[in-house]
Amino acid sequence: MKWIEQIKVQIPMDQIDSVNHVLNDIEANFDGAEGQCQVNVFRNVKLSTEFIISLDWDVYNSNGVGSKEGNSVKQLLSKYGMVHHSIWQKI
């Protein structure tokens, strides 16, 4: 069953350069369970300090708390700003 983790981060304007580097590293180097996960990073078109990292999983195994990888991303980004982590299951 497919599921998605979304990690939304809102940062102060003075953190944009630092967060851009972190987000590029996440997208380029993500090692999600042998290809079972696709990573996408989005920026809000109206609010340049708001980003969403989407982890699209092929197999559901989070037990409602998110993946190990998603929780690591959440923890990493929490030092830059406000983070919200949600889990969505395909119906």
Protein backbone atom coordinates (compact mmCIF):
# COMPACT_ATOMS: atom_id res chain seq x y z
CA MET A 1 0.00 0.00 0.00
CA LYS A 2 1.36 3.41 -0.98
CA TRP A 3 1.81 6.21 1.51
CA ILE A 4 3.38 9.65 1.70
CA GLU A 5 5.20 11.52 4.40
CA GLN A 6 5.17 15.28 4.13
CA ILE A 7 7.60 17.32 6.14
CA LYS A 8 6.78 21.01 6.02
CA VAL A 9 9.30 23.55 7.27
CA GLN A 10 8.86 27.30 7.74
CA ILE A 11 12.10 29.17 8.27
CA PRO A 12 13.25 32.73 8.95
CA MET A 13 14.45 34.64 5.89
CA ASP A 14 18.07 34.63 7.11
CA GLN A 15 18.15 30.80 7.01
CA ILE A 16 17.22 30.38 3.32
CA ASP A 17 20.75 29.74 2.02
CA SER A 18 21.52 27.20 4.74
CA VAL A 19 18.23 25.38 4.26
CA ASN A 20 18.58 25.34 0.46
CA HIS A 21 21.88 23.47 0.86
CA VAL A 22 20.32 21.01 3.31
CA LEU A 23 17.30 20.41 1.06
CA ASN A 24 19.52 19.84 -1.99
CA ASP A 25 21.54 17.30 0.01
CA ILE A 26 18.39 15.52 1.18
CA GLU A 27 17.05 15.25 -2.35
CA ALA A 28 20.38 14.13 -3.87
CA ASN A 29 21.50 11.71 -1.16
CA PHE A 30 18.33 10.20 0.27
CA ASP A 31 18.74 6.48 0.84
CA GLY A 32 15.16 5.31 1.23
CA ALA A 33 14.88 1.54 1.56
CA GLU A 34 16.37 0.34 -1.72
CA GLY A 35 14.42 2.46 -4.15
CA GLN A 36 11.06 2.04 -2.42
CA CYS A 37 10.86 5.79 -1.85
CA GLN A 38 10.83 8.81 -4.12
CA VAL A 39 11.85 12.18 -2.67
CA ASN A 40 10.57 15.53 -3.88
CA VAL A 41 11.26 18.98 -2.44
CA PHE A 42 8.84 21.85 -3.09
CA ARG A 43 8.94 25.57 -2.29
CA ASN A 44 5.77 27.60 -1.74
CA VAL A 45 5.37 29.91 -4.75
CA LYS A 46 4.02 32.76 -2.60
CA LEU A 47 6.11 32.29 0.52
CA SER A 48 9.79 31.65 -0.24
CA THR A 49 10.53 30.60 3.35
CA GLU A 50 8.18 27.60 3.29
CA PHE A 51 9.16 24.16 1.94
CA ILE A 52 7.69 20.67 1.79
CA ILE A 53 9.70 17.49 1.50
CA SER A 54 7.56 14.66 0.17
CA LEU A 55 8.64 11.07 0.73
CA ASP A 56 6.51 8.83 -1.50
CA TRP A 57 6.71 5.22 -0.31
CA ASP A 58 5.63 2.06 -2.17
CA VAL A 59 5.16 -0.04 0.97
CA TYR A 60 3.37 1.08 4.15
CA ASN A 61 5.37 0.30 7.29
CA SER A 62 5.28 3.37 9.52
CA ASN A 63 2.72 2.39 12.18
CA GLY A 64 1.50 6.00 12.07
CA VAL A 65 4.72 7.61 13.30
CA GLY A 66 6.56 7.98 9.99
CA SER A 67 9.66 6.30 8.71
CA LYS A 68 13.10 6.36 10.28
CA GLU A 69 14.25 8.46 7.32
CA GLY A 70 11.33 10.90 7.58
CA ASN A 71 11.89 11.38 11.30
CA SER A 72 15.59 12.04 10.65
CA VAL A 73 14.70 14.73 8.07
CA LYS A 74 12.22 16.26 10.54
CA GLN A 75 14.84 16.36 13.29
CA LEU A 76 17.47 17.85 10.96
CA LEU A 77 15.16 20.63 9.74
CA SER A 78 13.81 21.48 13.19
CA LYS A 79 16.99 23.40 13.99
CA TYR A 80 16.20 25.85 11.16
CA GLY A 81 12.54 26.59 11.84
CA MET A 82 9.06 25.30 12.55
CA VAL A 83 8.45 21.75 11.25
CA HIS A 84 5.24 19.78 10.73
CA HIS A 85 5.41 16.07 9.83
CA SER A 86 2.30 14.31 8.51
CA ILE A 87 1.64 10.84 7.16
CA TRP A 88 -0.84 10.08 4.38
CA GLN A 89 -2.04 6.66 3.26
CA LYS A 90 -3.52 6.02 -0.17
CA ILE A 91 -7.15 4.89 -0.02
